[in-house]
Amino acid sequence: MGKKKDEAATKEAAALNEIAASIRKDFPHLTDGDVAAMIDRAREDFYDRPIREFVPLFVERRIRAQLTARKE
């Protein structure tokens, strides 16, 4: 893997960690494992995407939409 790909992967992982913390804060009934599983499932649709910059945003939106729909 090239340096740019390594940096992009590191940035993506950091962003997903921040998203996980934010979701746990906003939905305290979820366990760390619940949130990690939700992130993994949401990321599956984006594994083959060449542009990774927006993956964390899409993952967060998908999870929050699912959680909000459950509340209603």
PDB file of N, CA and C in Angstrom:
ATOM      1  N   MET A   1       0.845  -1.182   0.000  1.00  0.00           N
ATOM      2  CA  MET A   1       0.000   0.000   0.000  1.00  0.00           C
ATOM      3  C   MET A   1       0.888   1.241   0.000  1.00  0.00           C
ATOM      4  N   GLY A   2       0.513   2.258  -0.753  1.00  0.00           N
ATOM      5  CA  GLY A   2       1.301   3.470  -0.826  1.00  0.00           C
ATOM      6  C   GLY A   2       1.068   4.365   0.370  1.00  0.00           C
ATOM      7  N   LYS A   3       1.929   5.349   0.501  1.00  0.00           N
ATOM      8  CA  LYS A   3       1.846   6.268   1.634  1.00  0.00           C
ATOM      9  C   LYS A   3       0.508   7.007   1.665  1.00  0.00           C
ATOM     10  N   LYS A   4       0.033   7.448   0.512  1.00  0.00           N
ATOM     11  CA  LYS A   4      -1.247   8.166   0.470  1.00  0.00           C
ATOM     12  C   LYS A   4      -2.401   7.265   0.886  1.00  0.00           C
ATOM     13  N   LYS A   5      -2.372   5.998   0.461  1.00  0.00           N
ATOM     14  CA  LYS A   5      -3.427   5.063   0.847  1.00  0.00           C
ATOM     15  C   LYS A   5      -3.383   4.787   2.344  1.00  0.00           C
ATOM     16  N   ASP A   6      -2.178   4.675   2.886  1.00  0.00           N
ATOM     17  CA  ASP A   6      -2.026   4.469   4.326  1.00  0.00           C
ATOM     18  C   ASP A   6      -2.578   5.658   5.104  1.00  0.00           C
ATOM     19  N   GLU A   7      -2.257   6.850   4.640  1.00  0.00           N
ATOM     20  CA  GLU A   7      -2.745   8.063   5.296  1.00  0.00           C
ATOM     21  C   GLU A   7      -4.263   8.154   5.205  1.00  0.00           C
ATOM     22  N   ALA A   8      -4.817   7.817   4.052  1.00  0.00           N
ATOM     23  CA  ALA A   8      -6.266   7.865   3.872  1.00  0.00           C
ATOM     24  C   ALA A   8      -6.953   6.847   4.783  1.00  0.00           C
ATOM     25  N   ALA A   9      -6.386   5.661   4.885  1.00  0.00           N
ATOM     26  CA  ALA A   9      -6.950   4.632   5.753  1.00  0.00           C
ATOM     27  C   ALA A   9      -6.894   5.068   7.213  1.00  0.00           C
ATOM     28  N   THR A  10      -5.809   5.714   7.595  1.00  0.00           N
ATOM     29  CA  THR A  10      -5.659   6.199   8.965  1.00  0.00           C
ATOM     30  C   THR A  10      -6.682   7.290   9.257  1.00  0.00           C
ATOM     31  N   LYS A  11      -6.867   8.206   8.315  1.00  0.00           N
ATOM     32  CA  LYS A  11      -7.854   9.274   8.481  1.00  0.00           C
ATOM     33  C   LYS A  11      -9.267   8.703   8.568  1.00  0.00           C
ATOM     34  N   GLU A  12      -9.559   7.720   7.725  1.00  0.00           N
ATOM     35  CA  GLU A  12     -10.880   7.101   7.740  1.00  0.00           C
ATOM     36  C   GLU A  12     -11.136   6.405   9.073  1.00  0.00           C
ATOM     37  N   ALA A  13     -10.152   5.678   9.556  1.00  0.00           N
ATOM     38  CA  ALA A  13     -10.293   4.983  10.839  1.00  0.00           C
ATOM     39  C   ALA A  13     -10.505   5.971  11.979  1.00  0.00           C
ATOM     40  N   ALA A  14      -9.766   7.065  11.963  1.00  0.00           N
ATOM     41  CA  ALA A  14      -9.914   8.084  13.004  1.00  0.00           C
ATOM     42  C   ALA A  14     -11.306   8.709  12.956  1.00  0.00           C
ATOM     43  N   ALA A  15     -11.779   8.996  11.752  1.00  0.00           N
ATOM     44  CA  ALA A  15     -13.118   9.572  11.601  1.00  0.00           C
ATOM     45  C   ALA A  15     -14.187   8.599  12.085  1.00  0.00           C
ATOM     46  N   LEU A  16     -14.023   7.329  11.777  1.00  0.00           N
ATOM     47  CA  LEU A  16     -15.002   6.339  12.218  1.00  0.00           C
ATOM     48  C   LEU A  16     -14.966   6.173  13.738  1.00  0.00           C
ATOM     49  N   ASN A  17     -13.809   6.300  14.349  1.00  0.00           N
ATOM     50  CA  ASN A  17     -13.721   6.264  15.811  1.00  0.00           C
ATOM     51  C   ASN A  17     -14.457   7.445  16.432  1.00  0.00           C
ATOM     52  N   GLU A  18     -14.317   8.617  15.827  1.00  0.00           N
ATOM     53  CA  GLU A  18     -15.033   9.798  16.312  1.00  0.00           C
ATOM     54  C   GLU A  18     -16.538   9.619  16.159  1.00  0.00           C
ATOM     55  N   ILE A  19     -16.949   9.049  15.052  1.00  0.00           N
ATOM     56  CA  ILE A  19     -18.366   8.801  14.808  1.00  0.00           C
ATOM     57  C   ILE A  19     -18.899   7.804  15.840  1.00  0.00           C
ATOM     58  N   ALA A  20     -18.144   6.768  16.110  1.00  0.00           N
ATOM     59  CA  ALA A  20     -18.562   5.775  17.101  1.00  0.00           C
ATOM     60  C   ALA A  20     -18.762   6.440  18.461  1.00  0.00           C
ATOM     61  N   ALA A  21     -17.840   7.292  18.861  1.00  0.00           N
ATOM     62  CA  ALA A  21     -17.962   7.983  20.148  1.00  0.00           C
ATOM     63  C   ALA A  21     -19.185   8.893  20.165  1.00  0.00           C
ATOM     64  N   SER A  22     -19.426   9.581  19.078  1.00  0.00           N
ATOM     65  CA  SER A  22     -20.584  10.469  18.992  1.00  0.00           C
ATOM     66  C   SER A  22     -21.899   9.695  19.060  1.00  0.00           C
ATOM     67  N   ILE A  23     -21.951   8.575  18.378  1.00  0.00           N
ATOM     68  CA  ILE A  23     -23.169   7.759  18.397  1.00  0.00           C
ATOM     69  C   ILE A  23     -23.400   7.191  19.793  1.00  0.00           C
ATOM     70  N   ARG A  24     -22.346   6.716  20.440  1.00  0.00           N
ATOM     71  CA  ARG A  24     -22.493   6.187  21.799  1.00  0.00           C
ATOM     72  C   ARG A  24     -22.976   7.269  22.757  1.00  0.00           C
ATOM     73  N   LYS A  25     -22.503   8.501  22.550  1.00  0.00           N
ATOM     74  CA  LYS A  25     -22.928   9.623  23.394  1.00  0.00           C
ATOM     75  C   LYS A  25     -24.411   9.925  23.171  1.00  0.00           C
ATOM     76  N   ASP A  26     -24.834   9.946  21.922  1.00  0.00           N
ATOM     77  CA  ASP A  26     -26.211  10.294  21.591  1.00  0.00           C
ATOM     78  C   ASP A  26     -27.198   9.149  21.822  1.00  0.00           C
ATOM     79  N   PHE A  27     -26.700   7.927  21.822  1.00  0.00           N
ATOM     80  CA  PHE A  27     -27.539   6.737  22.016  1.00  0.00           C
ATOM     81  C   PHE A  27     -26.883   5.873  23.103  1.00  0.00           C
ATOM     82  N   PRO A  28     -26.964   6.322  24.360  1.00  0.00           N
ATOM     83  CA  PRO A  28     -26.227   5.655  25.442  1.00  0.00           C
ATOM     84  C   PRO A  28     -26.676   4.221  25.732  1.00  0.00           C
ATOM     85  N   HIS A  29     -27.822   3.829  25.224  1.00  0.00           N
ATOM     86  CA  HIS A  29     -28.279   2.456  25.441  1.00  0.00           C
ATOM     87  C   HIS A  29     -27.515   1.445  24.593  1.00  0.00           C
ATOM     88  N   LEU A  30     -26.762   1.923  23.605  1.00  0.00           N
ATOM     89  CA  LEU A  30     -25.986   1.023  22.745  1.00  0.00           C
ATOM     90  C   LEU A  30     -24.649   0.683  23.390  1.00  0.00           C
ATOM     91  N   THR A  31     -24.233  -0.549  23.234  1.00  0.00           N
ATOM     92  CA  THR A  31     -22.920  -0.956  23.723  1.00  0.00           C
ATOM     93  C   THR A  31     -21.860  -0.624  22.663  1.00  0.00           C
ATOM     94  N   ASP A  32     -20.613  -0.692  23.078  1.00  0.00           N
ATOM     95  CA  ASP A  32     -19.514  -0.487  22.126  1.00  0.00           C
ATOM     96  C   ASP A  32     -19.609  -1.512  20.997  1.00  0.00           C
ATOM     97  N   GLY A  33     -19.953  -2.747  21.352  1.00  0.00           N
ATOM     98  CA  GLY A  33     -20.084  -3.804  20.348  1.00  0.00           C
ATOM     99  C   GLY A  33     -21.213  -3.536  19.367  1.00  0.00           C
ATOM    100  N   ASP A  34     -22.327  -3.000  19.881  1.00  0.00           N
ATOM    101  CA  ASP A  34     -23.450  -2.653  19.004  1.00  0.00           C
ATOM    102  C   ASP A  34     -23.018  -1.625  17.970  1.00  0.00           C
ATOM    103  N   VAL A  35     -22.356  -0.593  18.446  1.00  0.00           N
ATOM    104  CA  VAL A  35     -21.934   0.496  17.559  1.00  0.00           C
ATOM    105  C   VAL A  35     -20.906  -0.010  16.548  1.00  0.00           C
ATOM    106  N   ALA A  36     -19.961  -0.792  16.999  1.00  0.00           N
ATOM    107  CA  ALA A  36     -18.943  -1.333  16.090  1.00  0.00           C
ATOM    108  C   ALA A  36     -19.584  -2.204  15.018  1.00  0.00           C
ATOM    109  N   ALA A  37     -20.554  -3.018  15.400  1.00  0.00           N
ATOM    110  CA  ALA A  37     -21.235  -3.872  14.426  1.00  0.00           C
ATOM    111  C   ALA A  37     -22.014  -3.036  13.421  1.00  0.00           C
ATOM    112  N   MET A  38     -22.659  -1.980  13.899  1.00  0.00           N
ATOM    113  CA  MET A  38     -23.412  -1.106  12.989  1.00  0.00           C
ATOM    114  C   MET A  38     -22.470  -0.431  11.992  1.00  0.00           C
ATOM    115  N   ILE A  39     -21.331   0.017  12.470  1.00  0.00           N
ATOM    116  CA  ILE A  39     -20.359   0.662  11.586  1.00  0.00           C
ATOM    117  C   ILE A  39     -19.852  -0.342  10.558  1.00  0.00           C
ATOM    118  N   ASP A  40     -19.532  -1.538  10.989  1.00  0.00           N
ATOM    119  CA  ASP A  40     -19.050  -2.568  10.056  1.00  0.00           C
ATOM    120  C   ASP A  40     -20.081  -2.865   8.981  1.00  0.00           C
ATOM    121  N   ARG A  41     -21.345  -3.017   9.388  1.00  0.00           N
ATOM    122  CA  ARG A  41     -22.408  -3.307   8.405  1.00  0.00           C
ATOM    123  C   ARG A  41     -22.584  -2.148   7.429  1.00  0.00           C
ATOM    124  N   ALA A  42     -22.575  -0.927   7.949  1.00  0.00           N
ATOM    125  CA  ALA A  42     -22.766   0.243   7.084  1.00  0.00           C
ATOM    126  C   ALA A  42     -21.600   0.410   6.109  1.00  0.00           C
ATOM    127  N   ARG A  43     -20.395   0.075   6.540  1.00  0.00           N
ATOM    128  CA  ARG A  43     -19.212   0.214   5.683  1.00  0.00           C
ATOM    129  C   ARG A  43     -19.189  -0.797   4.547  1.00  0.00           C
ATOM    130  N   GLU A  44     -19.855  -1.923   4.720  1.00  0.00           N
ATOM    131  CA  GLU A  44     -19.816  -2.979   3.702  1.00  0.00           C
ATOM    132  C   GLU A  44     -20.194  -2.469   2.310  1.00  0.00           C
ATOM    133  N   ASP A  45     -21.154  -1.560   2.231  1.00  0.00           N
ATOM    134  CA  ASP A  45     -21.582  -1.048   0.939  1.00  0.00           C
ATOM    135  C   ASP A  45     -20.549  -0.136   0.287  1.00  0.00           C
ATOM    136  N   PHE A  46     -19.555   0.257   1.038  1.00  0.00           N
ATOM    137  CA  PHE A  46     -18.583   1.223   0.526  1.00  0.00           C
ATOM    138  C   PHE A  46     -17.176   0.646   0.364  1.00  0.00           C
ATOM    139  N   TYR A  47     -16.996  -0.646   0.603  1.00  0.00           N
ATOM    140  CA  TYR A  47     -15.661  -1.241   0.538  1.00  0.00           C
ATOM    141  C   TYR A  47     -14.978  -1.060  -0.812  1.00  0.00           C
ATOM    142  N   ASP A  48     -15.735  -1.136  -1.887  1.00  0.00           N
ATOM    143  CA  ASP A  48     -15.117  -1.076  -3.213  1.00  0.00           C
ATOM    144  C   ASP A  48     -15.085   0.327  -3.810  1.00  0.00           C
ATOM    145  N   ARG A  49     -15.450   1.305  -3.039  1.00  0.00           N
ATOM    146  CA  ARG A  49     -15.459   2.676  -3.550  1.00  0.00           C
ATOM    147  C   ARG A  49     -14.044   3.230  -3.583  1.00  0.00           C
ATOM    148  N   PRO A  50     -13.632   3.793  -4.710  1.00  0.00           N
ATOM    149  CA  PRO A  50     -12.259   4.287  -4.816  1.00  0.00           C
ATOM    150  C   PRO A  50     -12.026   5.581  -4.039  1.00  0.00           C
ATOM    151  N   ILE A  51     -13.046   6.386  -3.891  1.00  0.00           N
ATOM    152  CA  ILE A  51     -12.905   7.640  -3.155  1.00  0.00           C
ATOM    153  C   ILE A  51     -13.433   7.400  -1.746  1.00  0.00           C
ATOM    154  N   ARG A  52     -12.551   7.473  -0.759  1.00  0.00           N
ATOM    155  CA  ARG A  52     -12.877   7.085   0.608  1.00  0.00           C
ATOM    156  C   ARG A  52     -13.199   8.264   1.521  1.00  0.00           C
ATOM    157  N   GLU A  53     -12.992   9.491   1.047  1.00  0.00           N
ATOM    158  CA  GLU A  53     -13.118  10.660   1.911  1.00  0.00           C
ATOM    159  C   GLU A  53     -14.483  10.799   2.568  1.00  0.00           C
ATOM    160  N   PHE A  54     -15.536  10.399   1.861  1.00  0.00           N
ATOM    161  CA  PHE A  54     -16.876  10.611   2.380  1.00  0.00           C
ATOM    162  C   PHE A  54     -17.490   9.376   3.023  1.00  0.00           C
ATOM    163  N   VAL A  55     -16.768   8.280   3.053  1.00  0.00           N
ATOM    164  CA  VAL A  55     -17.304   7.045   3.633  1.00  0.00           C
ATOM    165  C   VAL A  55     -17.742   7.251   5.082  1.00  0.00           C
ATOM    166  N   PRO A  56     -16.921   7.865   5.938  1.00  0.00           N
ATOM    167  CA  PRO A  56     -17.386   8.059   7.315  1.00  0.00           C
ATOM    168  C   PRO A  56     -18.690   8.860   7.402  1.00  0.00           C
ATOM    169  N   LEU A  57     -18.825   9.868   6.588  1.00  0.00           N
ATOM    170  CA  LEU A  57     -20.054  10.660   6.576  1.00  0.00           C
ATOM    171  C   LEU A  57     -21.253   9.802   6.179  1.00  0.00           C
ATOM    172  N   PHE A  58     -21.099   9.018   5.136  1.00  0.00           N
ATOM    173  CA  PHE A  58     -22.190   8.150   4.687  1.00  0.00           C
ATOM    174  C   PHE A  58     -22.542   7.099   5.737  1.00  0.00           C
ATOM    175  N   VAL A  59     -21.526   6.559   6.377  1.00  0.00           N
ATOM    176  CA  VAL A  59     -21.742   5.554   7.424  1.00  0.00           C
ATOM    177  C   VAL A  59     -22.526   6.187   8.577  1.00  0.00           C
ATOM    178  N   GLU A  60     -22.086   7.357   9.015  1.00  0.00           N
ATOM    179  CA  GLU A  60     -22.776   8.021  10.124  1.00  0.00           C
ATOM    180  C   GLU A  60     -24.220   8.334   9.769  1.00  0.00           C
ATOM    181  N   ARG A  61     -24.454   8.866   8.601  1.00  0.00           N
ATOM    182  CA  ARG A  61     -25.832   9.189   8.194  1.00  0.00           C
ATOM    183  C   ARG A  61     -26.707   7.945   8.170  1.00  0.00           C
ATOM    184  N   ARG A  62     -26.176   6.852   7.657  1.00  0.00           N
ATOM    185  CA  ARG A  62     -26.949   5.609   7.582  1.00  0.00           C
ATOM    186  C   ARG A  62     -27.311   5.109   8.982  1.00  0.00           C
ATOM    187  N   ILE A  63     -26.342   5.113   9.879  1.00  0.00           N
ATOM    188  CA  ILE A  63     -26.587   4.613  11.236  1.00  0.00           C
ATOM    189  C   ILE A  63     -27.579   5.508  11.972  1.00  0.00           C
ATOM    190  N   ARG A  64     -27.383   6.806  11.879  1.00  0.00           N
ATOM    191  CA  ARG A  64     -28.300   7.719  12.571  1.00  0.00           C
ATOM    192  C   ARG A  64     -29.719   7.604  12.019  1.00  0.00           C
ATOM    193  N   ALA A  65     -29.846   7.432  10.724  1.00  0.00           N
ATOM    194  CA  ALA A  65     -31.182   7.246  10.133  1.00  0.00           C
ATOM    195  C   ALA A  65     -31.826   5.972  10.675  1.00  0.00           C
ATOM    196  N   GLN A  66     -31.067   4.908  10.775  1.00  0.00           N
ATOM    197  CA  GLN A  66     -31.590   3.648  11.307  1.00  0.00           C
ATOM    198  C   GLN A  66     -32.003   3.811  12.768  1.00  0.00           C
ATOM    199  N   LEU A  67     -31.176   4.447  13.547  1.00  0.00           N
ATOM    200  CA  LEU A  67     -31.475   4.612  14.969  1.00  0.00           C
ATOM    201  C   LEU A  67     -32.665   5.539  15.189  1.00  0.00           C
ATOM    202  N   THR A  68     -32.764   6.583  14.388  1.00  0.00           N
ATOM    203  CA  THR A  68     -33.876   7.507  14.504  1.00  0.00           C
ATOM    204  C   THR A  68     -35.174   6.816  14.100  1.00  0.00           C
ATOM    205  N   ALA A  69     -35.128   5.994  13.080  1.00  0.00           N
ATOM    206  CA  ALA A  69     -36.324   5.268  12.639  1.00  0.00           C
ATOM    207  C   ALA A  69     -36.800   4.303  13.722  1.00  0.00           C
ATOM    208  N   ARG A  70     -35.883   3.731  14.473  1.00  0.00           N
ATOM    209  CA  ARG A  70     -36.238   2.823  15.559  1.00  0.00           C
ATOM    210  C   ARG A  70     -36.958   3.538  16.694  1.00  0.00           C
ATOM    211  N   LYS A  71     -36.580   4.806  16.926  1.00  0.00           N
ATOM    212  CA  LYS A  71     -37.188   5.577  18.002  1.00  0.00           C
ATOM    213  C   LYS A  71     -38.638   5.917  17.721  1.00  0.00           C
ATOM    214  N   GLU A  72     -38.967   6.073  16.466  1.00  0.00           N
ATOM    215  CA  GLU A  72     -40.310   6.527  16.082  1.00  0.00           C
ATOM    216  C   GLU A  72     -41.334   5.440  16.190  1.00  0.00           C
TER     217      GLU A  72
END
